[in-house]
């Protein structure tokens, strides 16, 4: 299945596309506006150039010269002296000029379009000459027979996109790169609340259904927080109904089992010796059913257990579990050792730890009774408490260790037990953020169960010892 990209990346892509389209649109608009304004400014330059030329020509003298028929026919330019022509060219080197008297050319620049192509009309005009496009302006003198035309190539009036891009390439790349970084940083900051909410929900156990406090979250998440709190309420009620149903079922099953066990015990005392073995097996079956019910109840209650954190004397907790187990066992059936024999304090959930330790010890006492000995060692370091519970039983093959952590899984050849002990311990450890692993003892004469528990730091405002 194709994995979906993160919300941040999707938003980042879409905002980038939006910004790119907006930038292209603004660039197109600016190009059109700039081209129009440059055209207007260039037309104004043409008008100014024509007026400058008119002043240089000394209109009255020109009219007299032209009227006397000397004009261009005289072999020179009678309207502009060389210095005036040079002054015009120095001021407007991007354009040409032509002067007409009664529609006949009497003067022109030595460069530019052929005189025959120049429009001989007042005002602004476009024309084409020698493959180039030109823009011209015709200025009528005081004598309407005099027309001064100034023209320039269209190409110098236009904005070249390629030239603009070449000049702006480095600044644009730098600006785009900076904008991408700022945009990514802004999105990450904006979505921090979503990530914090995901982290908060991910750190919760199944039973932690405390409502979120709306004032601790951004107002943008207000609707989501309210919806989550409503969901927590529904889940809490569902858990309560499930727990009540489980308790009722357990009660209804235990009552007839107790009656069956009592009848079996009575039968064993009064029945002939030939039936003793059968009644004993019946009592053992009833006991196994009771253990199975107890195990299922424990698993169900772990689902609804809220993890708490307080400082616990681990040595005392283990001693209490061992004492309870010794009461159940026949005298001298099993020897327990607990090391070190002193107080070992650790901040954890005592209920979950007690369930895990009791399940492992019960499992060891049940499956390794022939070993006659269970050794328990407690060690702690800066961030982890480790409890090793070793028995002298047959051990567990490495291939079966992972499987035995699941419900109703038994070791090869095992006929006793409900198959829930190690799964209960694994679930209790997971609830506390700990781990459980199975190892064979170095001499391969028994099983070592290692429980590792991190220190549970209480949440701010939570009660602790």
Protein backbone atom coordinates (compact mmCIF):
# COMPACT_ATOMS: atom_id res chain seq x y z
CA UNK A 1 0.00 0.00 0.00
CA UNK A 2 1.36 3.39 -0.91
CA UNK A 3 2.20 5.48 2.16
CA UNK A 4 0.66 8.93 2.31
CA UNK A 5 3.00 11.85 2.81
CA UNK A 6 2.80 13.85 6.00
CA UNK A 7 0.41 16.76 6.43
CA UNK A 8 3.35 19.16 6.65
CA UNK A 9 4.80 18.00 3.34
CA UNK A 10 1.44 18.15 1.58
CA UNK A 11 0.75 21.65 2.87
CA UNK A 12 4.29 22.65 1.95
CA UNK A 13 3.83 21.46 -1.63
CA UNK A 14 0.47 23.14 -2.05
CA UNK A 15 1.62 26.45 -0.60
CA UNK A 16 4.71 26.35 -2.82
CA UNK A 17 2.53 25.78 -5.88
CA UNK A 18 0.21 28.59 -4.81
CA UNK A 19 3.16 30.94 -4.27
CA UNK A 20 4.69 29.95 -7.63
CA UNK A 21 1.43 30.63 -9.47
CA UNK A 22 0.98 33.90 -7.60
CA UNK A 23 4.56 34.91 -8.42
CA UNK A 24 4.12 34.09 -12.09
CA UNK A 25 0.85 36.02 -12.23
CA UNK A 26 2.35 39.05 -10.51
CA UNK A 27 5.38 38.86 -12.80
CA UNK A 28 3.15 38.83 -15.89
CA UNK A 29 1.14 41.80 -14.60
CA UNK A 30 4.29 43.74 -13.73
CA UNK A 31 5.72 42.97 -17.16
CA UNK A 32 2.65 44.33 -18.94
CA UNK A 33 2.49 47.44 -16.75
CA UNK A 34 6.24 48.10 -17.06
CA UNK A 35 6.14 47.63 -20.84
CA UNK A 36 3.27 50.09 -21.10
CA UNK A 37 5.00 52.68 -18.92
CA UNK A 38 8.28 52.29 -20.81
CA UNK A 39 6.36 52.90 -24.05
CA UNK A 40 4.87 56.07 -22.65
CA UNK A 41 8.25 57.28 -21.38
CA UNK A 42 9.86 56.51 -24.73
CA UNK A 43 7.16 58.43 -26.59
CA UNK A 44 7.80 61.37 -24.28
CA UNK A 45 11.50 61.11 -25.11
CA UNK A 46 10.67 61.24 -28.80
CA UNK A 47 8.61 64.39 -28.31
CA UNK A 48 11.43 66.02 -26.31
CA UNK A 49 13.98 65.02 -28.94
CA UNK A 50 11.89 66.54 -31.71
CA UNK A 51 11.52 69.77 -29.76
CA UNK A 52 15.25 69.93 -29.07
CA UNK A 53 15.93 69.44 -32.73
CA UNK A 54 13.47 72.16 -33.61
CA UNK A 55 15.27 74.62 -31.36
CA UNK A 56 18.61 73.72 -32.86
CA UNK A 57 17.37 74.26 -36.40
CA UNK A 58 16.57 77.95 -36.04
CA UNK A 59 13.22 77.70 -37.76
CA UNK A 60 13.18 81.11 -39.33
CA UNK A 61 16.55 80.63 -41.01
CA UNK A 62 15.57 77.21 -42.25
CA UNK A 63 12.44 78.55 -43.87
CA UNK A 64 14.39 81.22 -45.68
CA UNK A 65 17.00 78.71 -46.91
CA UNK A 66 14.42 76.32 -48.08
CA UNK A 67 12.40 79.09 -49.66
CA UNK A 68 15.43 80.11 -51.68
CA UNK A 69 15.68 76.63 -53.06
CA UNK A 70 19.05 75.78 -51.54
CA UNK A 71 17.92 72.90 -49.21
CA UNK A 72 19.55 69.51 -49.69
CA UNK A 73 20.22 70.35 -53.27
CA UNK A 74 23.10 72.54 -52.17
CA UNK A 75 25.18 69.48 -51.41
CA UNK A 76 25.09 69.94 -47.60
CA UNK A 77 22.77 70.30 -44.67
CA UNK A 78 21.82 74.00 -44.32
CA UNK A 79 19.58 73.47 -41.25
CA UNK A 80 22.04 72.00 -38.77
CA UNK A 81 25.66 72.77 -38.34
CA UNK A 82 27.99 69.84 -37.65
CA UNK A 83 28.22 70.86 -34.01
CA UNK A 84 24.42 70.93 -33.66
CA UNK A 85 24.13 67.58 -35.34
CA UNK A 86 26.75 66.20 -32.97
CA UNK A 87 24.91 67.73 -29.97
CA UNK A 88 21.66 66.07 -30.97
CA UNK A 89 23.36 62.74 -31.54
CA UNK A 90 25.10 62.98 -28.17
CA UNK A 91 21.76 63.67 -26.42
CA UNK A 92 19.70 61.11 -28.30
CA UNK A 93 22.10 58.48 -29.64
CA UNK A 94 19.26 55.96 -29.75
CA UNK A 95 17.23 57.73 -32.40
CA UNK A 96 17.36 59.31 -35.88
CA UNK A 97 15.74 62.42 -37.33
CA UNK A 98 14.51 63.83 -40.61
CA UNK A 99 13.28 67.32 -41.56
CA UNK A 100 10.70 67.92 -44.27
CA UNK A 101 9.70 71.18 -45.94
CA UNK A 102 6.51 70.97 -47.92
CA UNK A 103 6.79 67.20 -47.65
CA UNK A 104 10.28 67.20 -49.14
CA UNK A 105 13.31 66.12 -47.08
CA UNK A 106 15.66 68.99 -46.42
CA UNK A 107 17.75 67.48 -43.62
CA UNK A 108 18.33 64.11 -41.98
CA UNK A 109 20.66 62.28 -39.65
CA UNK A 110 23.40 60.19 -41.10
CA UNK A 111 22.12 57.06 -39.46
CA UNK A 112 18.87 55.14 -39.02
CA UNK A 113 16.13 54.14 -41.44
CA UNK A 114 16.04 55.30 -45.08
CA UNK A 115 14.37 58.69 -45.48
CA UNK A 116 11.80 57.23 -47.90
CA UNK A 117 10.42 54.95 -45.13
CA UNK A 118 10.00 57.69 -42.53
CA UNK A 119 6.33 58.74 -42.05
CA UNK A 120 5.76 62.34 -43.09
CA UNK A 121 2.84 63.00 -40.77
CA UNK A 122 2.60 64.73 -37.40
CA UNK A 123 2.12 62.62 -34.27
CA UNK A 124 3.20 59.13 -33.26
CA UNK A 125 3.50 56.37 -35.87
CA UNK A 126 4.95 52.88 -36.29
CA UNK A 127 6.78 51.81 -39.41
CA UNK A 128 9.14 49.12 -40.62
CA UNK A 129 12.43 49.67 -42.47
CA UNK A 130 15.30 47.33 -43.36
CA UNK A 131 13.88 44.56 -41.20
CA UNK A 132 13.53 46.73 -38.07
CA UNK A 133 10.42 48.09 -36.42
CA UNK A 134 10.49 51.82 -35.68
CA UNK A 135 8.47 54.31 -33.67
CA UNK A 136 8.37 57.95 -34.89
CA UNK A 137 7.01 61.32 -33.84
CA UNK A 138 6.33 64.16 -36.25
CA UNK A 139 6.51 67.77 -34.94
CA UNK A 140 5.04 70.57 -37.06
CA UNK A 141 6.94 73.86 -36.87
CA UNK A 142 5.55 77.36 -36.57
CA UNK A 143 5.30 77.25 -40.32
CA UNK A 144 3.07 74.25 -41.03
CA UNK A 145 5.19 73.46 -44.09
CA UNK A 146 7.99 72.39 -41.76
CA UNK A 147 7.80 68.88 -40.30
CA UNK A 148 10.44 67.45 -37.97
CA UNK A 149 10.37 63.67 -37.48
CA UNK A 150 12.34 61.79 -34.81
CA UNK A 151 12.30 57.96 -34.77
CA UNK A 152 13.81 55.10 -32.76
CA UNK A 153 13.91 51.35 -33.03
CA UNK A 154 11.18 49.47 -31.20
CA UNK A 155 13.61 46.96 -29.76
CA UNK A 156 15.18 49.49 -27.41
CA UNK A 157 11.71 50.29 -26.07
CA UNK A 158 10.90 46.69 -25.21
CA UNK A 159 11.77 44.69 -22.11
CA UNK A 160 13.68 41.51 -22.93
CA UNK A 161 12.47 38.72 -20.56
CA UNK A 162 15.63 36.69 -21.13
CA UNK A 163 17.85 39.66 -20.30
CA UNK A 164 15.81 40.46 -17.22
CA UNK A 165 15.98 36.82 -16.08
CA UNK A 166 19.75 36.70 -16.60
CA UNK A 167 20.25 39.82 -14.53
CA UNK A 168 17.86 38.73 -11.81
CA UNK A 169 18.74 35.01 -11.76
CA UNK A 170 20.99 35.01 -8.69
CA UNK A 171 18.79 37.35 -6.59
CA UNK A 172 15.68 35.36 -7.57
CA UNK A 173 17.29 32.01 -6.68
CA UNK A 174 18.42 33.39 -3.33
CA UNK A 175 14.97 34.86 -2.67
CA UNK A 176 13.19 31.61 -3.61
CA UNK A 177 15.52 29.51 -1.46
CA UNK A 178 15.05 31.82 1.52
CA UNK A 179 11.27 31.81 1.00
CA UNK A 180 11.21 27.98 0.92
CA UNK A 181 13.15 27.76 4.17
CA UNK A 182 10.96 30.35 5.87
CA UNK A 183 7.82 28.64 4.60
CA UNK A 184 8.95 25.22 5.85
CA UNK A 185 9.87 26.65 9.23
CA UNK A 186 6.53 28.46 9.46
CA UNK A 187 4.57 25.31 8.62
CA UNK A 188 6.51 23.25 11.13
CA UNK A 189 5.85 25.83 13.81
CA UNK A 190 2.18 26.07 12.85
CA UNK A 191 1.72 22.29 12.96
CA UNK A 192 3.65 21.83 16.20
CA UNK A 193 0.38 21.68 18.13
CA UNK A 194 -0.85 18.81 15.95
CA UNK A 195 2.39 16.90 16.54
CA UNK A 196 2.18 17.58 20.28
CA UNK A 197 -1.38 16.26 20.32
CA UNK A 198 -0.29 13.12 18.46
CA UNK A 199 2.57 12.59 20.91
CA UNK A 200 0.26 13.07 23.89
CA UNK A 201 -2.27 10.57 22.58
CA UNK A 202 0.44 8.10 21.59
CA UNK A 203 1.90 8.14 25.11
CA UNK A 204 -1.41 7.24 26.70
CA UNK A 205 -2.39 3.74 27.70
CA UNK A 206 -5.65 2.19 26.60
CA UNK A 207 -7.13 2.90 30.01
CA UNK A 208 -6.05 6.53 30.19
CA UNK A 209 -9.23 8.28 29.13
CA UNK A 210 -8.79 11.51 31.06
CA UNK A 211 -10.20 14.43 29.04
CA UNK A 212 -7.80 16.86 27.46
CA UNK A 213 -7.79 20.37 28.85
CA UNK A 214 -8.90 22.75 26.10
CA UNK A 215 -7.04 25.71 27.57
CA UNK A 216 -3.72 23.86 27.12
CA UNK A 217 -4.21 23.67 23.36
CA UNK A 218 -4.44 26.12 20.52
CA UNK A 219 -7.89 27.48 19.78
CA UNK A 220 -7.57 26.11 16.26
CA UNK A 221 -7.66 22.61 17.78
CA UNK A 222 -10.63 23.40 19.98
CA UNK A 223 -13.12 21.45 17.88
CA UNK A 224 -10.79 18.45 17.69
CA UNK A 225 -10.17 18.50 21.46
CA UNK A 226 -13.90 18.57 22.16
CA UNK A 227 -14.47 15.65 19.77
CA UNK A 228 -11.66 13.64 21.39
CA UNK A 229 -13.04 14.27 24.88
CA UNK A 230 -16.45 13.03 23.75
CA UNK A 231 -14.78 9.93 22.32
CA UNK A 232 -12.97 9.35 25.62
CA UNK A 233 -16.30 9.50 27.46
CA UNK A 234 -17.83 6.92 25.14
CA UNK A 235 -14.82 4.63 25.44
CA UNK A 236 -14.84 4.95 29.23
CA UNK A 237 -18.48 3.89 29.36
CA UNK A 238 -17.75 1.00 27.01
CA UNK A 239 -14.89 -0.14 29.26
CA UNK A 240 -17.14 0.03 32.29
CA UNK A 241 -19.77 -2.08 30.58
CA UNK A 242 -17.14 -4.58 29.45
CA UNK A 243 -15.65 -4.80 32.94
CA UNK A 244 -19.06 -5.28 34.51
CA UNK A 245 -19.86 -8.00 31.99
CA UNK A 246 -16.53 -9.74 32.67
CA UNK A 247 -17.07 -9.66 36.43
CA UNK A 248 -20.58 -11.04 36.04
CA UNK A 249 -19.39 -13.84 33.78
CA UNK A 250 -16.56 -14.72 36.19
CA UNK A 251 -18.98 -14.81 39.10
CA UNK A 252 -21.44 -16.99 37.21
CA UNK A 253 -18.66 -19.41 36.25
CA UNK A 254 -17.00 -19.59 39.64
CA UNK A 255 -20.18 -20.46 41.49
CA UNK A 256 -20.84 -23.76 39.67
CA UNK A 257 -17.10 -24.56 39.63
CA UNK A 258 -16.98 -24.16 43.40
CA UNK A 259 -19.94 -26.49 43.72
CA UNK A 260 -18.35 -29.03 41.40
CA UNK A 261 -15.09 -28.93 43.37
CA UNK A 262 -16.89 -29.40 46.68
CA UNK A 263 -18.83 -32.34 45.30
CA UNK A 264 -15.62 -33.84 43.89
CA UNK A 265 -13.84 -33.54 47.22
CA UNK A 266 -16.79 -35.17 48.99
CA UNK A 267 -16.85 -37.90 46.40
CA UNK A 268 -13.13 -38.55 46.81
CA UNK A 269 -13.55 -39.03 50.54
CA UNK A 270 -16.59 -41.30 50.31
CA UNK A 271 -16.16 -43.11 47.02
CA UNK A 272 -14.26 -46.38 46.59
CA UNK A 273 -10.54 -46.20 46.12
CA UNK A 274 -10.91 -47.16 42.48
CA UNK A 275 -12.43 -43.74 41.71
CA UNK A 276 -9.89 -41.67 43.61
CA UNK A 277 -7.75 -41.00 40.59
CA UNK A 278 -10.73 -39.79 38.55
CA UNK A 279 -11.96 -37.47 41.27
CA UNK A 280 -8.46 -36.09 41.73
CA UNK A 281 -8.25 -35.30 38.02
CA UNK A 282 -11.69 -33.68 38.24
CA UNK A 283 -10.54 -31.43 41.09
CA UNK A 284 -7.40 -30.50 39.15
CA UNK A 285 -9.52 -29.65 36.12
CA UNK A 286 -11.74 -27.42 38.21
CA UNK A 287 -8.66 -25.71 39.68
CA UNK A 288 -7.29 -25.13 36.20
CA UNK A 289 -10.61 -23.62 35.14
CA UNK A 290 -10.50 -21.30 38.13
CA UNK A 291 -6.95 -20.26 37.26
CA UNK A 292 -8.03 -19.64 33.70
CA UNK A 293 -10.85 -17.39 34.88
CA UNK A 294 -8.48 -15.54 37.18
CA UNK A 295 -6.02 -15.04 34.33
CA UNK A 296 -8.67 -13.75 31.94
CA UNK A 297 -9.96 -11.37 34.60
CA UNK A 298 -6.45 -10.08 35.19
CA UNK A 299 -5.90 -9.48 31.46
CA UNK A 300 -9.26 -7.72 31.16
CA UNK A 301 -8.50 -5.50 34.13
CA UNK A 302 -5.08 -4.61 32.77
CA UNK A 303 -6.84 -3.13 29.73
CA UNK A 304 -8.62 -0.65 31.99
CA UNK A 305 -5.74 0.01 34.38
CA UNK A 306 -4.53 3.60 34.59
CA UNK A 307 -0.78 3.71 35.10
CA UNK A 308 0.31 5.52 38.23
CA UNK A 309 3.78 6.41 39.41
CA UNK A 310 5.15 6.38 42.93
CA UNK A 311 8.26 5.30 44.76
CA UNK A 312 8.04 1.61 45.63
CA UNK A 313 10.17 -0.67 47.83
CA UNK A 314 10.68 -3.36 45.22
CA UNK A 315 12.24 -5.79 47.68
CA UNK A 316 9.19 -5.65 49.94
CA UNK A 317 6.83 -6.01 46.96
CA UNK A 318 8.64 -9.17 45.82
CA UNK A 319 8.72 -10.53 49.38
CA UNK A 320 4.95 -10.14 49.65
CA UNK A 321 4.40 -11.95 46.36
CA UNK A 322 6.72 -14.77 47.46
CA UNK A 323 4.94 -15.04 50.82
CA UNK A 324 1.56 -15.39 49.12
CA UNK A 325 2.96 -18.05 46.82
CA UNK A 326 4.45 -20.01 49.67
CA UNK A 327 1.03 -20.21 51.29
CA UNK A 328 -0.32 -21.92 48.17
CA UNK A 329 2.58 -24.38 47.87
CA UNK A 330 3.06 -27.53 49.93
CA UNK A 331 5.56 -27.17 52.78
CA UNK A 332 9.18 -27.33 51.64
CA UNK A 333 8.07 -27.65 48.01
CA UNK A 334 10.05 -24.63 46.83
CA UNK A 335 12.89 -22.48 48.10
CA UNK A 336 13.01 -18.77 47.29
CA UNK A 337 15.95 -16.39 47.51
CA UNK A 338 15.72 -12.64 46.96
CA UNK A 339 18.81 -10.48 46.50
CA UNK A 340 19.76 -7.98 47.64
CA UNK A 341 18.22 -8.33 51.06
CA UNK A 342 17.58 -4.66 51.58
CA UNK A 343 15.33 -1.84 50.46
CA UNK A 344 15.44 -1.11 46.72
CA UNK A 345 13.29 1.86 45.86
CA UNK A 346 12.10 2.61 42.33
CA UNK A 347 9.47 4.92 40.85
CA UNK A 348 7.00 2.79 38.93
CA UNK A 349 3.43 1.50 38.88
CA UNK A 350 3.33 -0.91 41.87
CA UNK A 351 0.15 -2.69 40.76
CA UNK A 352 1.50 -3.51 37.31
CA UNK A 353 4.85 -4.60 38.75
CA UNK A 354 3.13 -6.82 41.33
CA UNK A 355 1.03 -8.48 38.63
CA UNK A 356 4.07 -9.14 36.43
CA UNK A 357 6.23 -10.52 39.25
CA UNK A 358 3.39 -12.69 40.58
CA UNK A 359 2.66 -14.09 37.13
CA UNK A 360 6.31 -15.02 36.49
CA UNK A 361 6.77 -16.56 39.96
CA UNK A 362 3.52 -18.50 39.61
CA UNK A 363 4.65 -19.72 36.21
CA UNK A 364 8.06 -20.78 37.58
CA UNK A 365 6.54 -22.52 40.61
CA UNK A 366 4.12 -24.36 38.36
CA UNK A 367 6.46 -25.50 35.59
CA UNK A 368 9.77 -25.84 37.47
CA UNK A 369 8.67 -27.31 40.75
CA UNK A 370 11.00 -30.23 40.33
CA UNK A 371 13.91 -27.80 40.47
CA UNK A 372 12.91 -26.86 44.00
CA UNK A 373 14.44 -23.40 43.86
CA UNK A 374 13.63 -19.94 42.52
CA UNK A 375 16.26 -17.19 42.71
CA UNK A 376 15.22 -13.56 42.36
CA UNK A 377 17.77 -10.79 41.81
CA UNK A 378 17.04 -7.06 41.69
CA UNK A 379 19.45 -4.59 40.12
CA UNK A 380 19.04 -0.94 39.30
CA UNK A 381 20.95 1.68 37.39
CA UNK A 382 20.27 5.27 36.52
CA UNK A 383 17.27 4.74 34.24
CA UNK A 384 16.20 1.10 34.55
CA UNK A 385 15.32 -1.48 37.18
CA UNK A 386 15.91 -5.13 36.31
CA UNK A 387 14.38 -8.13 38.07
CA UNK A 388 15.73 -11.56 37.18
CA UNK A 389 13.64 -14.61 38.19
CA UNK A 390 15.50 -17.88 37.63
CA UNK A 391 14.16 -21.36 38.16
CA UNK A 392 15.78 -24.79 37.88
CA UNK A 393 13.21 -26.24 35.55
CA UNK A 394 13.58 -27.62 32.03
CA UNK A 395 13.96 -24.18 30.45
CA UNK A 396 12.41 -22.97 27.18
CA UNK A 397 13.86 -23.52 23.69
CA UNK A 398 14.80 -20.27 22.01
CA UNK A 399 12.34 -20.89 19.17
CA UNK A 400 9.41 -20.95 21.63
CA UNK A 401 10.23 -17.88 23.71
CA UNK A 402 8.42 -15.31 21.59
CA UNK A 403 5.41 -17.58 21.14
CA UNK A 404 4.97 -18.11 24.88
CA UNK A 405 4.36 -14.39 25.36
CA UNK A 406 0.97 -14.75 23.66
CA UNK A 407 -2.27 -15.92 25.25
CA UNK A 408 -3.02 -19.62 25.63
CA UNK A 409 0.45 -20.64 24.46
CA UNK A 410 2.11 -23.43 26.42
CA UNK A 411 5.53 -24.96 26.31
CA UNK A 412 6.10 -28.16 24.44
CA UNK A 413 4.89 -31.12 26.47
CA UNK A 414 3.24 -28.95 29.12
CA UNK A 415 -0.19 -30.13 30.29
CA UNK A 416 -0.69 -27.85 33.27
CA UNK A 417 -1.34 -24.15 33.42
CA UNK A 418 -3.71 -21.92 31.51
CA UNK A 419 -1.19 -20.53 29.06
CA UNK A 420 -1.80 -17.00 30.35
CA UNK A 421 0.99 -16.44 32.91
CA UNK A 422 3.71 -15.01 30.67
CA UNK A 423 1.20 -13.11 28.53
CA UNK A 424 -0.11 -11.41 31.68
CA UNK A 425 3.44 -10.52 32.72
CA UNK A 426 4.22 -9.18 29.24
CA UNK A 427 1.10 -7.04 29.20
CA UNK A 428 1.76 -5.65 32.69
CA UNK A 429 5.31 -4.77 31.69
CA UNK A 430 4.17 -3.12 28.48
CA UNK A 431 1.70 -1.08 30.50
CA UNK A 432 4.60 0.28 32.55
CA UNK A 433 6.77 0.84 29.50
CA UNK A 434 8.97 -2.13 30.44
CA UNK A 435 10.07 -5.28 28.68
CA UNK A 436 10.26 -8.99 29.42
CA UNK A 437 12.60 -11.53 27.92
CA UNK A 438 13.34 -15.20 28.44
CA UNK A 439 16.83 -16.67 28.63
CA UNK A 440 18.30 -19.99 29.59
CA UNK A 441 20.64 -20.00 32.55
CA UNK A 442 24.33 -20.16 31.65
CA UNK A 443 24.51 -23.80 32.74
CA UNK A 444 21.35 -24.58 30.71
CA UNK A 445 19.65 -25.85 33.86
CA UNK A 446 16.66 -23.60 34.12
CA UNK A 447 14.93 -20.51 32.76
CA UNK A 448 15.73 -16.90 33.52
CA UNK A 449 12.94 -14.36 33.08
CA UNK A 450 14.22 -10.77 32.99
CA UNK A 451 11.82 -7.89 33.72
CA UNK A 452 13.19 -4.44 32.86
CA UNK A 453 11.29 -1.32 33.97
CA UNK A 454 12.09 2.31 33.19
CA UNK A 455 11.56 4.94 35.82
CA UNK A 456 8.10 6.45 35.46
CA UNK A 457 8.26 10.19 35.80
CA UNK A 458 4.95 11.50 37.14
CA UNK A 459 3.12 13.99 34.96
CA UNK A 460 2.96 17.56 36.09
CA UNK A 461 0.18 17.94 38.62
CA UNK A 462 -0.10 14.17 39.22
CA UNK A 463 0.07 12.92 42.74
CA UNK A 464 3.14 10.95 43.79
CA UNK A 465 4.72 9.69 46.89
